[in-house]
C-alpha atoms as a PDB file:
ATOM      1  CA  MET A   1      28.640  65.552  46.551  1.00  0.00           C
ATOM      2  CA  ASN A   2      27.373  69.051  45.778  1.00  0.00           C
ATOM      3  CA  ILE A   3      27.734  70.550  42.293  1.00  0.00           C
ATOM      4  CA  HIS A   4      27.096  74.266  41.823  1.00  0.00           C
ATOM      5  CA  LYS A   5      27.047  75.696  38.294  1.00  0.00           C
ATOM      6  CA  ASN A   6      27.425  79.476  37.991  1.00  0.00           C
ATOM      7  CA  PHE A   7      28.741  79.471  41.550  1.00  0.00           C
ATOM      8  CA  LEU A   8      29.735  83.144  41.561  1.00  0.00           C
ATOM      9  CA  LEU A   9      28.145  86.271  40.174  1.00  0.00           C
ATOM     10  CA  GLU A  10      29.555  86.914  36.689  1.00  0.00           C
ATOM     11  CA  LYS A  11      31.506  90.023  37.771  1.00  0.00           C
ATOM     12  CA  ASP A  12      33.125  88.170  40.686  1.00  0.00           C
ATOM     13  CA  PHE A  13      34.001  85.207  38.486  1.00  0.00           C
ATOM     14  CA  THR A  14      35.465  87.443  35.772  1.00  0.00           C
ATOM     15  CA  GLU A  15      37.798  89.153  38.266  1.00  0.00           C
ATOM     16  CA  ILE A  16      39.175  85.792  39.412  1.00  0.00           C
ATOM     17  CA  GLU A  17      39.369  84.407  35.872  1.00  0.00           C
ATOM     18  CA  GLU A  18      41.270  87.437  34.565  1.00  0.00           C
ATOM     19  CA  LYS A  19      43.843  87.280  37.365  1.00  0.00           C
ATOM     20  CA  ILE A  20      44.372  83.492  37.211  1.00  0.00           C
ATOM     21  CA  MET A  21      44.542  83.431  33.384  1.00  0.00           C
ATOM     22  CA  SER A  22      46.826  86.475  33.099  1.00  0.00           C
ATOM     23  CA  ALA A  23      50.483  86.414  32.085  1.00  0.00           C
ATOM     24  CA  GLU A  24      51.291  87.899  35.525  1.00  0.00           C
ATOM     25  CA  MET A  25      50.056  84.829  37.430  1.00  0.00           C
ATOM     26  CA  PRO A  26      53.166  83.296  39.086  1.00  0.00           C
ATOM     27  CA  TRP A  27      52.853  79.610  38.209  1.00  0.00           C
ATOM     28  CA  TYR A  28      55.425  77.169  39.600  1.00  0.00           C
ATOM     29  CA  PHE A  29      56.568  74.022  37.794  1.00  0.00           C
ATOM     30  CA  ASN A  30      55.930  70.705  39.576  1.00  0.00           C
ATOM     31  CA  GLU A  31      57.732  67.556  38.387  1.00  0.00           C
ATOM     32  CA  GLY A  32      54.693  65.408  39.156  1.00  0.00           C
ATOM     33  CA  VAL A  33      50.935  65.769  39.487  1.00  0.00           C
ATOM     34  CA  ASN A  34      50.278  63.328  42.340  1.00  0.00           C
ATOM     35  CA  ASN A  35      53.903  62.508  43.102  1.00  0.00           C
ATOM     36  CA  LEU A  36      57.344  62.971  41.578  1.00  0.00           C
ATOM     37  CA  GLN A  37      57.374  59.472  40.081  1.00  0.00           C
ATOM     38  CA  ASP A  38      54.150  59.751  38.063  1.00  0.00           C
ATOM     39  CA  GLU A  39      55.961  61.004  34.900  1.00  0.00           C
ATOM     40  CA  ASN A  40      53.512  63.891  34.506  1.00  0.00           C
ATOM     41  CA  PHE A  41      53.900  67.544  35.359  1.00  0.00           C
ATOM     42  CA  GLN A  42      51.768  70.552  36.155  1.00  0.00           C
ATOM     43  CA  PHE A  43      52.070  74.167  37.197  1.00  0.00           C
ATOM     44  CA  THR A  44      50.695  75.204  40.576  1.00  0.00           C
ATOM     45  CA  PHE A  45      50.244  78.223  42.784  1.00  0.00           C
ATOM     46  CA  THR A  46      49.697  77.702  46.505  1.00  0.00           C
ATOM     47  CA  PHE A  47      47.665  80.484  48.087  1.00  0.00           C
ATOM     48  CA  LEU A  48      47.598  78.937  51.545  1.00  0.00           C
ATOM     49  CA  ASN A  49      48.834  75.747  53.179  1.00  0.00           C
ATOM     50  CA  GLU A  50      49.067  74.342  56.701  1.00  0.00           C
ATOM     51  CA  GLN A  51      52.009  76.655  57.412  1.00  0.00           C
ATOM     52  CA  GLY A  52      49.858  79.690  56.639  1.00  0.00           C
ATOM     53  CA  ILE A  53      49.341  82.203  53.855  1.00  0.00           C
ATOM     54  CA  ASN A  54      51.806  81.615  51.016  1.00  0.00           C
ATOM     55  CA  CYS A  55      51.114  84.708  48.906  1.00  0.00           C
ATOM     56  CA  SER A  56      50.355  88.398  49.175  1.00  0.00           C
ATOM     57  CA  LYS A  57      47.117  89.397  50.860  1.00  0.00           C
ATOM     58  CA  GLU A  58      46.069  91.040  47.577  1.00  0.00           C
ATOM     59  CA  MET A  59      46.445  87.710  45.781  1.00  0.00           C
ATOM     60  CA  LEU A  60      44.550  85.814  48.480  1.00  0.00           C
ATOM     61  CA  ASN A  61      41.804  88.457  48.480  1.00  0.00           C
ATOM     62  CA  ILE A  62      40.840  87.655  44.883  1.00  0.00           C
ATOM     63  CA  LEU A  63      39.372  84.428  46.297  1.00  0.00           C
ATOM     64  CA  ASN A  64      37.073  86.217  48.772  1.00  0.00           C
ATOM     65  CA  PRO A  65      33.937  85.728  46.633  1.00  0.00           C
ATOM     66  CA  ILE A  66      34.506  81.960  46.846  1.00  0.00           C
ATOM     67  CA  LEU A  67      35.573  81.902  50.503  1.00  0.00           C
ATOM     68  CA  ASN A  68      32.531  83.959  51.477  1.00  0.00           C
ATOM     69  CA  LYS A  69      30.262  81.217  50.116  1.00  0.00           C
ATOM     70  CA  LEU A  70      32.008  78.290  51.832  1.00  0.00           C
ATOM     71  CA  LYS A  71      31.007  77.097  55.285  1.00  0.00           C
ATOM     72  CA  TYR A  72      34.329  76.314  56.907  1.00  0.00           C
ATOM     73  CA  LYS A  73      35.905  76.243  60.327  1.00  0.00           C
ATOM     74  CA  LYS A  74      39.475  76.099  59.028  1.00  0.00           C
ATOM     75  CA  ILE A  75      41.082  76.222  55.584  1.00  0.00           C
ATOM     76  CA  ASN A  76      43.959  73.750  55.297  1.00  0.00           C
ATOM     77  CA  ARG A  77      45.080  74.472  51.743  1.00  0.00           C
ATOM     78  CA  ILE A  78      44.149  76.464  48.658  1.00  0.00           C
ATOM     79  CA  LYS A  79      46.067  75.591  45.520  1.00  0.00           C
ATOM     80  CA  ALA A  80      45.551  76.410  41.848  1.00  0.00           C
ATOM     81  CA  ASN A  81      46.522  73.729  39.312  1.00  0.00           C
ATOM     82  CA  LEU A  82      47.308  74.334  35.652  1.00  0.00           C
ATOM     83  CA  LEU A  83      47.659  71.478  33.172  1.00  0.00           C
ATOM     84  CA  ILE A  84      48.655  72.299  29.612  1.00  0.00           C
ATOM     85  CA  LYS A  85      46.962  70.964  26.488  1.00  0.00           C
ATOM     86  CA  ASP A  86      47.956  67.429  25.527  1.00  0.00           C
ATOM     87  CA  ASN A  87      47.379  65.347  22.397  1.00  0.00           C
ATOM     88  CA  LYS A  88      45.261  62.887  24.413  1.00  0.00           C
ATOM     89  CA  ILE A  89      43.364  62.972  27.702  1.00  0.00           C
ATOM     90  CA  ILE A  90      45.606  61.801  30.538  1.00  0.00           C
ATOM     91  CA  GLU A  91      44.243  60.921  33.963  1.00  0.00           C
ATOM     92  CA  HIS A  92      46.796  61.504  36.699  1.00  0.00           C
ATOM     93  CA  GLY A  93      45.922  58.849  39.267  1.00  0.00           C
ATOM     94  CA  MET A  94      43.379  58.390  42.020  1.00  0.00           C
ATOM     95  CA  HIS A  95      44.161  60.160  45.286  1.00  0.00           C
ATOM     96  CA  ILE A  96      42.607  61.891  48.272  1.00  0.00           C
ATOM     97  CA  ASP A  97      43.485  65.455  49.219  1.00  0.00           C
ATOM     98  CA  GLN A  98      43.305  65.100  53.007  1.00  0.00           C
ATOM     99  CA  PRO A  99      42.214  62.366  55.431  1.00  0.00           C
ATOM    100  CA  LYS A 100      39.114  64.227  56.672  1.00  0.00           C
ATOM    101  CA  GLY A 101      37.069  67.281  55.883  1.00  0.00           C
ATOM    102  CA  LYS A 102      35.891  68.681  52.572  1.00  0.00           C
ATOM    103  CA  THR A 103      37.479  69.232  49.197  1.00  0.00           C
ATOM    104  CA  GLY A 104      36.188  71.842  46.798  1.00  0.00           C
ATOM    105  CA  ILE A 105      37.181  72.246  43.179  1.00  0.00           C
ATOM    106  CA  PHE A 106      36.496  75.548  41.441  1.00  0.00           C
ATOM    107  CA  TYR A 107      36.803  75.378  37.654  1.00  0.00           C
ATOM    108  CA  ILE A 108      38.334  78.435  35.988  1.00  0.00           C
ATOM    109  CA  ASN A 109      37.836  77.440  32.353  1.00  0.00           C
ATOM    110  CA  THR A 110      35.699  75.178  30.213  1.00  0.00           C
ATOM    111  CA  CYS A 111      37.499  72.381  28.404  1.00  0.00           C
ATOM    112  CA  ASN A 112      37.177  68.658  27.750  1.00  0.00           C
ATOM    113  CA  GLY A 113      39.185  67.806  30.873  1.00  0.00           C
ATOM    114  CA  TYR A 114      37.389  66.513  33.920  1.00  0.00           C
ATOM    115  CA  THR A 115      37.515  65.280  37.486  1.00  0.00           C
ATOM    116  CA  LYS A 116      36.778  61.562  37.787  1.00  0.00           C
ATOM    117  CA  PHE A 117      35.828  59.708  40.962  1.00  0.00           C
ATOM    118  CA  LYS A 118      36.648  56.119  41.846  1.00  0.00           C
ATOM    119  CA  ASN A 119      32.985  55.160  41.282  1.00  0.00           C
ATOM    120  CA  GLY A 120      33.345  56.297  37.639  1.00  0.00           C
ATOM    121  CA  GLU A 121      31.431  59.578  37.932  1.00  0.00           C
ATOM    122  CA  LYS A 122      32.964  62.368  35.836  1.00  0.00           C
ATOM    123  CA  ILE A 123      32.565  66.079  36.449  1.00  0.00           C
ATOM    124  CA  LYS A 124      33.168  68.167  33.326  1.00  0.00           C
ATOM    125  CA  SER A 125      35.438  71.183  33.524  1.00  0.00           C
ATOM    126  CA  GLU A 126      33.050  74.115  33.139  1.00  0.00           C
ATOM    127  CA  LYS A 127      33.989  77.641  34.103  1.00  0.00           C
ATOM    128  CA  ASN A 128      32.484  79.010  37.314  1.00  0.00           C
ATOM    129  CA  LYS A 129      31.472  75.557  38.586  1.00  0.00           C
ATOM    130  CA  TYR A 130      32.182  74.522  42.170  1.00  0.00           C
ATOM    131  CA  VAL A 131      32.149  70.893  43.276  1.00  0.00           C
ATOM    132  CA  GLU A 132      32.323  69.988  46.983  1.00  0.00           C
ATOM    133  CA  PHE A 133      32.830  66.466  48.325  1.00  0.00           C
ATOM    134  CA  ASP A 134      34.165  64.523  51.288  1.00  0.00           C
ATOM    135  CA  SER A 135      37.958  64.618  51.154  1.00  0.00           C
ATOM    136  CA  ILE A 136      38.229  60.847  51.531  1.00  0.00           C
ATOM    137  CA  LEU A 137      36.628  60.311  48.098  1.00  0.00           C
ATOM    138  CA  GLU A 138      39.314  59.137  45.703  1.00  0.00           C
ATOM    139  CA  HIS A 139      39.444  61.202  42.536  1.00  0.00           C
ATOM    140  CA  THR A 140      41.721  62.153  39.666  1.00  0.00           C
ATOM    141  CA  GLY A 141      42.038  65.128  37.405  1.00  0.00           C
ATOM    142  CA  SER A 142      42.799  64.968  33.718  1.00  0.00           C
ATOM    143  CA  SER A 143      44.490  66.949  31.016  1.00  0.00           C
ATOM    144  CA  CYS A 144      42.542  68.444  28.111  1.00  0.00           C
ATOM    145  CA  THR A 145      42.942  68.377  24.340  1.00  0.00           C
ATOM    146  CA  ASP A 146      40.715  71.249  23.203  1.00  0.00           C
ATOM    147  CA  GLU A 147      42.089  74.286  25.066  1.00  0.00           C
ATOM    148  CA  LYS A 148      45.598  75.591  25.800  1.00  0.00           C
ATOM    149  CA  ARG A 149      45.230  74.812  29.496  1.00  0.00           C
ATOM    150  CA  ARG A 150      42.947  73.419  32.178  1.00  0.00           C
ATOM    151  CA  ILE A 151      42.860  75.396  35.425  1.00  0.00           C
ATOM    152  CA  VAL A 152      41.161  74.570  38.711  1.00  0.00           C
ATOM    153  CA  ILE A 153      41.488  75.929  42.233  1.00  0.00           C
ATOM    154  CA  ASN A 154      41.448  73.269  44.917  1.00  0.00           C
ATOM    155  CA  PHE A 155      40.156  74.043  48.435  1.00  0.00           C
ATOM    156  CA  ASN A 156      40.753  71.681  51.378  1.00  0.00           C
ATOM    157  CA  TYR A 157      38.986  72.618  54.603  1.00  0.00           C
ATOM    158  CA  GLU A 158      37.276  71.557  57.769  1.00  0.00           C
ATOM    159  CA  PRO A 159      33.556  72.367  57.555  1.00  0.00           C
ATOM    160  CA  ASN A 160      31.547  74.158  60.248  1.00  0.00           C
END
């Protein structure tokens, strides 16, 4: 696992943060976090999936500072996740993102939410942090209780 604090230059991070946190960001309601039966919900925005680009090129281009730092052969999915503030921390269930390759999580804001791995390791949500790990590592995200929302951008890719 690789953890990179202050992953982007401040100006590059601020541009992404402002766009993702703005009222113009087109979030879509999802009836579940890991699946429809998990009794949780989140808002998501899919930039790219296995069918191709799922947004305008202008929207995808805001991620260029991140993409330029990744060593990938192929991007399989890029998806932003937004969880709203809750009255207690809720973990949403262990899962893997894809059967092979790398997963990267880019944290947009600092809050008391986290990413937890099956081995018990917790990664705090801190703005401008990037965590990269093998996609087969089971992990879960959580809600937060100290901010209005917790936002991450999830990258699934095949490395060089």
